[in-house]
């Protein structure tokens, strides 16, 4: 679920996806999730905002990484040479998101057993 370092807790992407899924798909409210998982409501809101903007990749922890990753700051406008190229890019992003959601479902199914 999380690791504790010197300064703060670090939550796994799978855990963040679980919380976002409960909010978006299961109808749980932010305050309910806050109490149930002992999380600050601001953290939950931030995860939901990032998921809506960037999909599952927005829940990656980018701290401590160098310039070899994409920042989740201001969204950058993608420039594609053709509509087909843009659609291929979107398709790849959605396939990655679907893969992560399937993994989340597997983890949740294992927890329920």
N, C-alpha and C. Protein backbone atom coordinates (compact mmCIF):
# COMPACT_ATOMS: atom_id res chain seq x y z
N UNK A 1 0.83 -1.17 0.00
CA UNK A 1 0.00 0.00 0.00
C UNK A 1 0.88 1.24 0.00
N UNK A 2 1.76 1.40 0.98
CA UNK A 2 2.64 2.56 0.98
C UNK A 2 3.94 2.21 1.69
N UNK A 3 4.93 3.02 1.43
CA UNK A 3 6.19 2.91 2.15
C UNK A 3 6.42 4.23 2.87
N UNK A 4 7.06 4.15 3.99
CA UNK A 4 7.31 5.34 4.79
C UNK A 4 8.80 5.66 4.68
N UNK A 5 9.12 6.86 4.20
CA UNK A 5 10.51 7.27 4.21
C UNK A 5 10.67 8.35 5.28
N UNK A 6 11.78 9.05 5.27
CA UNK A 6 12.05 10.04 6.31
C UNK A 6 10.97 11.10 6.40
N UNK A 7 10.43 11.52 5.26
CA UNK A 7 9.58 12.71 5.25
C UNK A 7 8.10 12.45 4.97
N UNK A 8 7.78 11.43 4.19
CA UNK A 8 6.38 11.24 3.81
C UNK A 8 6.13 9.82 3.36
N UNK A 9 4.84 9.47 3.33
CA UNK A 9 4.41 8.17 2.83
C UNK A 9 4.42 8.23 1.31
N UNK A 10 4.75 7.11 0.69
CA UNK A 10 4.71 6.99 -0.75
C UNK A 10 3.76 5.85 -1.09
N UNK A 11 2.71 6.15 -1.82
CA UNK A 11 1.69 5.16 -2.16
C UNK A 11 1.97 4.56 -3.53
N UNK A 12 1.65 3.28 -3.70
CA UNK A 12 1.85 2.62 -4.99
C UNK A 12 0.80 3.10 -5.99
N UNK A 13 1.13 2.96 -7.25
CA UNK A 13 0.18 3.34 -8.30
C UNK A 13 -1.08 2.48 -8.21
N UNK A 14 -0.91 1.19 -7.88
CA UNK A 14 -2.06 0.29 -7.78
C UNK A 14 -3.01 0.74 -6.67
N UNK A 15 -2.45 1.19 -5.55
CA UNK A 15 -3.28 1.67 -4.46
C UNK A 15 -4.03 2.94 -4.87
N UNK A 16 -3.33 3.84 -5.54
CA UNK A 16 -3.96 5.07 -6.01
C UNK A 16 -5.10 4.75 -6.97
N UNK A 17 -4.87 3.79 -7.87
CA UNK A 17 -5.91 3.38 -8.81
C UNK A 17 -7.11 2.78 -8.08
N UNK A 18 -6.84 2.04 -7.03
CA UNK A 18 -7.92 1.46 -6.24
C UNK A 18 -8.80 2.56 -5.66
N UNK A 19 -8.19 3.57 -5.09
CA UNK A 19 -8.94 4.68 -4.49
C UNK A 19 -9.73 5.44 -5.56
N UNK A 20 -9.08 5.74 -6.68
CA UNK A 20 -9.75 6.46 -7.77
C UNK A 20 -10.91 5.64 -8.31
N UNK A 21 -10.72 4.34 -8.46
CA UNK A 21 -11.78 3.46 -8.95
C UNK A 21 -12.98 3.46 -8.00
N UNK A 22 -12.71 3.39 -6.70
CA UNK A 22 -13.81 3.40 -5.74
C UNK A 22 -14.58 4.72 -5.81
N UNK A 23 -13.88 5.81 -6.06
CA UNK A 23 -14.53 7.11 -6.16
C UNK A 23 -15.34 7.23 -7.46
N UNK A 24 -14.70 6.90 -8.58
CA UNK A 24 -15.34 7.13 -9.87
C UNK A 24 -16.37 6.06 -10.24
N UNK A 25 -16.11 4.81 -9.90
CA UNK A 25 -16.96 3.72 -10.37
C UNK A 25 -17.86 3.11 -9.31
N UNK A 26 -17.47 3.20 -8.05
CA UNK A 26 -18.26 2.56 -7.00
C UNK A 26 -19.08 3.55 -6.19
N UNK A 27 -18.95 4.84 -6.52
CA UNK A 27 -19.77 5.84 -5.86
C UNK A 27 -19.37 6.23 -4.45
N UNK A 28 -18.18 5.83 -4.03
CA UNK A 28 -17.70 6.24 -2.71
C UNK A 28 -17.36 7.73 -2.75
N UNK A 29 -17.59 8.42 -1.67
CA UNK A 29 -17.27 9.85 -1.61
C UNK A 29 -15.85 10.04 -1.08
N UNK A 30 -15.33 11.23 -1.31
CA UNK A 30 -14.00 11.55 -0.80
C UNK A 30 -13.90 11.38 0.71
N UNK A 31 -14.87 11.94 1.47
CA UNK A 31 -14.81 11.77 2.93
C UNK A 31 -14.90 10.30 3.38
N UNK A 32 -15.71 9.49 2.69
CA UNK A 32 -15.79 8.07 3.03
C UNK A 32 -14.43 7.40 2.84
N UNK A 33 -13.81 7.66 1.69
CA UNK A 33 -12.50 7.06 1.41
C UNK A 33 -11.45 7.58 2.38
N UNK A 34 -11.55 8.84 2.73
CA UNK A 34 -10.60 9.45 3.65
C UNK A 34 -10.62 8.72 5.00
N UNK A 35 -11.82 8.46 5.50
CA UNK A 35 -11.95 7.76 6.78
C UNK A 35 -11.54 6.30 6.65
N UNK A 36 -12.04 5.64 5.60
CA UNK A 36 -11.79 4.20 5.42
C UNK A 36 -10.31 3.88 5.26
N UNK A 37 -9.57 4.72 4.53
CA UNK A 37 -8.16 4.44 4.25
C UNK A 37 -7.20 5.36 4.99
N UNK A 38 -7.74 6.19 5.88
CA UNK A 38 -6.92 7.11 6.69
C UNK A 38 -6.03 7.98 5.80
N UNK A 39 -6.67 8.63 4.82
CA UNK A 39 -5.99 9.52 3.88
C UNK A 39 -6.53 10.93 4.02
N UNK A 40 -5.69 11.90 3.75
CA UNK A 40 -6.16 13.28 3.70
C UNK A 40 -7.05 13.43 2.46
N UNK A 41 -8.13 14.15 2.59
CA UNK A 41 -9.05 14.36 1.48
C UNK A 41 -8.35 15.06 0.32
N UNK A 42 -7.39 15.93 0.62
CA UNK A 42 -6.66 16.64 -0.44
C UNK A 42 -5.84 15.67 -1.30
N UNK A 43 -5.33 14.61 -0.70
CA UNK A 43 -4.56 13.61 -1.46
C UNK A 43 -5.50 12.89 -2.43
N UNK A 44 -6.66 12.51 -1.95
CA UNK A 44 -7.64 11.81 -2.79
C UNK A 44 -8.06 12.70 -3.96
N UNK A 45 -8.36 13.96 -3.68
CA UNK A 45 -8.76 14.89 -4.74
C UNK A 45 -7.65 15.06 -5.77
N UNK A 46 -6.42 15.12 -5.30
CA UNK A 46 -5.28 15.27 -6.20
C UNK A 46 -5.14 14.06 -7.12
N UNK A 47 -5.29 12.85 -6.57
CA UNK A 47 -5.20 11.63 -7.38
C UNK A 47 -6.31 11.60 -8.43
N UNK A 48 -7.51 11.99 -8.05
CA UNK A 48 -8.64 12.00 -8.99
C UNK A 48 -8.39 13.01 -10.10
N UNK A 49 -7.90 14.19 -9.72
CA UNK A 49 -7.60 15.23 -10.72
C UNK A 49 -6.54 14.73 -11.70
N UNK A 50 -5.47 14.13 -11.18
CA UNK A 50 -4.40 13.64 -12.05
C UNK A 50 -4.89 12.52 -12.95
N UNK A 51 -5.74 11.63 -12.42
CA UNK A 51 -6.27 10.54 -13.23
C UNK A 51 -7.14 11.09 -14.36
N UNK A 52 -7.95 12.08 -14.06
CA UNK A 52 -8.81 12.67 -15.10
C UNK A 52 -8.00 13.38 -16.17
N UNK A 53 -6.90 14.00 -15.79
CA UNK A 53 -6.08 14.73 -16.76
C UNK A 53 -5.17 13.81 -17.56
N UNK A 54 -4.54 12.84 -16.90
CA UNK A 54 -3.47 12.07 -17.53
C UNK A 54 -3.73 10.57 -17.59
N UNK A 55 -4.85 10.11 -17.04
CA UNK A 55 -5.08 8.68 -16.99
C UNK A 55 -4.22 8.05 -15.89
N UNK A 56 -4.05 6.74 -15.98
CA UNK A 56 -3.32 6.01 -14.95
C UNK A 56 -1.87 6.47 -14.84
N UNK A 57 -1.28 6.93 -15.93
CA UNK A 57 0.12 7.38 -15.88
C UNK A 57 0.28 8.62 -15.01
N UNK A 58 -0.78 9.36 -14.79
CA UNK A 58 -0.72 10.53 -13.94
C UNK A 58 -0.53 10.20 -12.47
N UNK A 59 -0.73 8.92 -12.12
CA UNK A 59 -0.59 8.50 -10.73
C UNK A 59 0.81 7.98 -10.41
N UNK A 60 1.70 8.05 -11.40
CA UNK A 60 3.09 7.67 -11.17
C UNK A 60 3.74 8.65 -10.21
N UNK A 61 4.63 8.17 -9.38
CA UNK A 61 5.38 9.04 -8.49
C UNK A 61 6.64 9.48 -9.22
N UNK A 62 6.70 10.76 -9.59
CA UNK A 62 7.82 11.25 -10.38
C UNK A 62 8.93 11.87 -9.55
N UNK A 63 8.78 11.85 -8.22
CA UNK A 63 9.81 12.47 -7.39
C UNK A 63 11.12 11.70 -7.49
N UNK A 64 12.20 12.44 -7.56
CA UNK A 64 13.52 11.83 -7.58
C UNK A 64 13.97 11.35 -8.94
N UNK A 65 13.13 11.53 -9.95
CA UNK A 65 13.49 11.09 -11.29
C UNK A 65 14.08 12.26 -12.03
N UNK A 66 14.92 11.94 -13.02
CA UNK A 66 15.58 13.00 -13.77
C UNK A 66 14.79 13.33 -15.03
N UNK A 67 15.41 13.99 -15.97
CA UNK A 67 14.73 14.49 -17.16
C UNK A 67 14.27 13.40 -18.13
N UNK A 68 14.42 12.14 -17.78
CA UNK A 68 14.03 11.08 -18.71
C UNK A 68 12.57 10.66 -18.52
N UNK A 69 11.76 11.48 -17.93
CA UNK A 69 10.33 11.19 -17.80
C UNK A 69 9.53 12.45 -18.17
N UNK A 70 8.27 12.23 -18.42
CA UNK A 70 7.44 13.39 -18.75
C UNK A 70 6.87 13.97 -17.46
N UNK A 71 6.89 15.26 -17.37
CA UNK A 71 6.37 15.95 -16.20
C UNK A 71 4.85 15.95 -16.24
N UNK A 72 4.24 15.98 -15.08
CA UNK A 72 2.79 16.05 -15.02
C UNK A 72 2.34 17.45 -14.67
N UNK A 73 3.15 18.44 -15.03
CA UNK A 73 2.78 19.82 -14.80
C UNK A 73 1.73 20.25 -15.81
N UNK A 74 1.94 21.34 -16.45
CA UNK A 74 1.01 21.83 -17.45
C UNK A 74 0.96 20.85 -18.63
N UNK A 75 -0.25 20.46 -19.08
CA UNK A 75 -0.33 19.55 -20.22
C UNK A 75 0.32 20.15 -21.46
N UNK A 76 1.12 19.36 -22.14
CA UNK A 76 1.79 19.82 -23.35
C UNK A 76 0.96 19.45 -24.56
N UNK A 77 0.95 20.33 -25.52
CA UNK A 77 0.22 20.06 -26.74
C UNK A 77 1.06 19.13 -27.60
N UNK A 78 0.49 17.97 -27.92
CA UNK A 78 1.18 17.02 -28.79
C UNK A 78 1.11 17.52 -30.22
N UNK A 79 2.18 17.37 -30.94
CA UNK A 79 2.18 17.75 -32.35
C UNK A 79 2.38 16.49 -33.18
N UNK A 80 1.39 16.18 -33.96
CA UNK A 80 1.45 15.01 -34.83
C UNK A 80 1.36 15.45 -36.28
N UNK A 81 2.01 14.66 -37.13
CA UNK A 81 2.03 14.99 -38.55
C UNK A 81 0.71 14.68 -39.24
N UNK A 82 -0.06 13.75 -38.66
CA UNK A 82 -1.33 13.39 -39.29
C UNK A 82 -2.33 12.97 -38.21
N UNK A 83 -3.57 12.93 -38.60
CA UNK A 83 -4.61 12.48 -37.68
C UNK A 83 -4.41 11.01 -37.33
N UNK A 84 -3.94 10.21 -38.28
CA UNK A 84 -3.69 8.79 -38.03
C UNK A 84 -2.63 8.63 -36.94
N UNK A 85 -1.57 9.42 -37.02
CA UNK A 85 -0.51 9.37 -36.01
C UNK A 85 -1.07 9.76 -34.63
N UNK A 86 -1.90 10.78 -34.58
CA UNK A 86 -2.50 11.20 -33.31
C UNK A 86 -3.40 10.10 -32.75
N UNK A 87 -4.17 9.46 -33.62
CA UNK A 87 -5.05 8.38 -33.17
C UNK A 87 -4.25 7.17 -32.69
N UNK A 88 -3.15 6.87 -33.35
CA UNK A 88 -2.28 5.77 -32.90
C UNK A 88 -1.72 6.06 -31.51
N UNK A 89 -1.31 7.30 -31.31
CA UNK A 89 -0.78 7.70 -30.01
C UNK A 89 -1.85 7.56 -28.92
N UNK A 90 -3.05 8.04 -29.19
CA UNK A 90 -4.15 7.93 -28.25
C UNK A 90 -4.50 6.46 -27.99
N UNK A 91 -4.48 5.65 -29.02
CA UNK A 91 -4.78 4.23 -28.88
C UNK A 91 -3.75 3.55 -27.96
N UNK A 92 -2.48 3.87 -28.14
CA UNK A 92 -1.43 3.30 -27.28
C UNK A 92 -1.64 3.73 -25.83
N UNK A 93 -1.98 4.98 -25.61
CA UNK A 93 -2.20 5.47 -24.25
C UNK A 93 -3.38 4.74 -23.60
N UNK A 94 -4.45 4.57 -24.36
CA UNK A 94 -5.63 3.89 -23.83
C UNK A 94 -5.36 2.41 -23.56
N UNK A 95 -4.56 1.76 -24.41
CA UNK A 95 -4.19 0.36 -24.17
C UNK A 95 -3.40 0.24 -22.87
N UNK A 96 -2.49 1.17 -22.63
CA UNK A 96 -1.73 1.17 -21.39
C UNK A 96 -2.62 1.36 -20.18
N UNK A 97 -3.57 2.27 -20.30
CA UNK A 97 -4.50 2.52 -19.20
C UNK A 97 -5.36 1.29 -18.94
N UNK A 98 -5.84 0.65 -19.99
CA UNK A 98 -6.65 -0.56 -19.85
C UNK A 98 -5.84 -1.67 -19.17
N UNK A 99 -4.58 -1.81 -19.55
CA UNK A 99 -3.69 -2.80 -18.94
C UNK A 99 -3.61 -2.57 -17.43
N UNK A 100 -3.41 -1.32 -17.03
CA UNK A 100 -3.29 -1.00 -15.61
C UNK A 100 -4.60 -1.26 -14.87
N UNK A 101 -5.71 -0.94 -15.48
CA UNK A 101 -7.00 -1.20 -14.84
C UNK A 101 -7.26 -2.69 -14.68
N UNK A 102 -6.83 -3.49 -15.65
CA UNK A 102 -6.97 -4.94 -15.53
C UNK A 102 -6.11 -5.46 -14.38
N UNK A 103 -4.90 -4.92 -14.24
CA UNK A 103 -4.02 -5.32 -13.13
C UNK A 103 -4.66 -4.94 -11.80
N UNK A 104 -5.27 -3.77 -11.74
CA UNK A 104 -5.94 -3.34 -10.53
C UNK A 104 -7.08 -4.29 -10.18
N UNK A 105 -7.85 -4.71 -11.18
CA UNK A 105 -8.94 -5.65 -10.95
C UNK A 105 -8.40 -6.97 -10.43
N UNK A 106 -7.30 -7.46 -11.00
CA UNK A 106 -6.69 -8.69 -10.52
C UNK A 106 -6.28 -8.57 -9.05
N UNK A 107 -5.66 -7.45 -8.70
CA UNK A 107 -5.25 -7.23 -7.31
C UNK A 107 -6.46 -7.19 -6.38
N UNK A 108 -7.51 -6.50 -6.81
CA UNK A 108 -8.71 -6.40 -6.00
C UNK A 108 -9.38 -7.76 -5.84
N UNK A 109 -9.40 -8.56 -6.91
CA UNK A 109 -9.98 -9.90 -6.85
C UNK A 109 -9.20 -10.78 -5.87
N UNK A 110 -7.87 -10.64 -5.87
CA UNK A 110 -7.04 -11.42 -4.94
C UNK A 110 -7.32 -11.01 -3.50
N UNK A 111 -7.54 -9.72 -3.26
CA UNK A 111 -7.82 -9.24 -1.91
C UNK A 111 -9.16 -9.75 -1.41
N UNK A 112 -10.12 -9.92 -2.30
CA UNK A 112 -11.45 -10.36 -1.91
C UNK A 112 -11.51 -11.84 -1.58
N UNK A 113 -10.53 -12.61 -2.05
CA UNK A 113 -10.53 -14.06 -1.79
C UNK A 113 -10.11 -14.38 -0.40
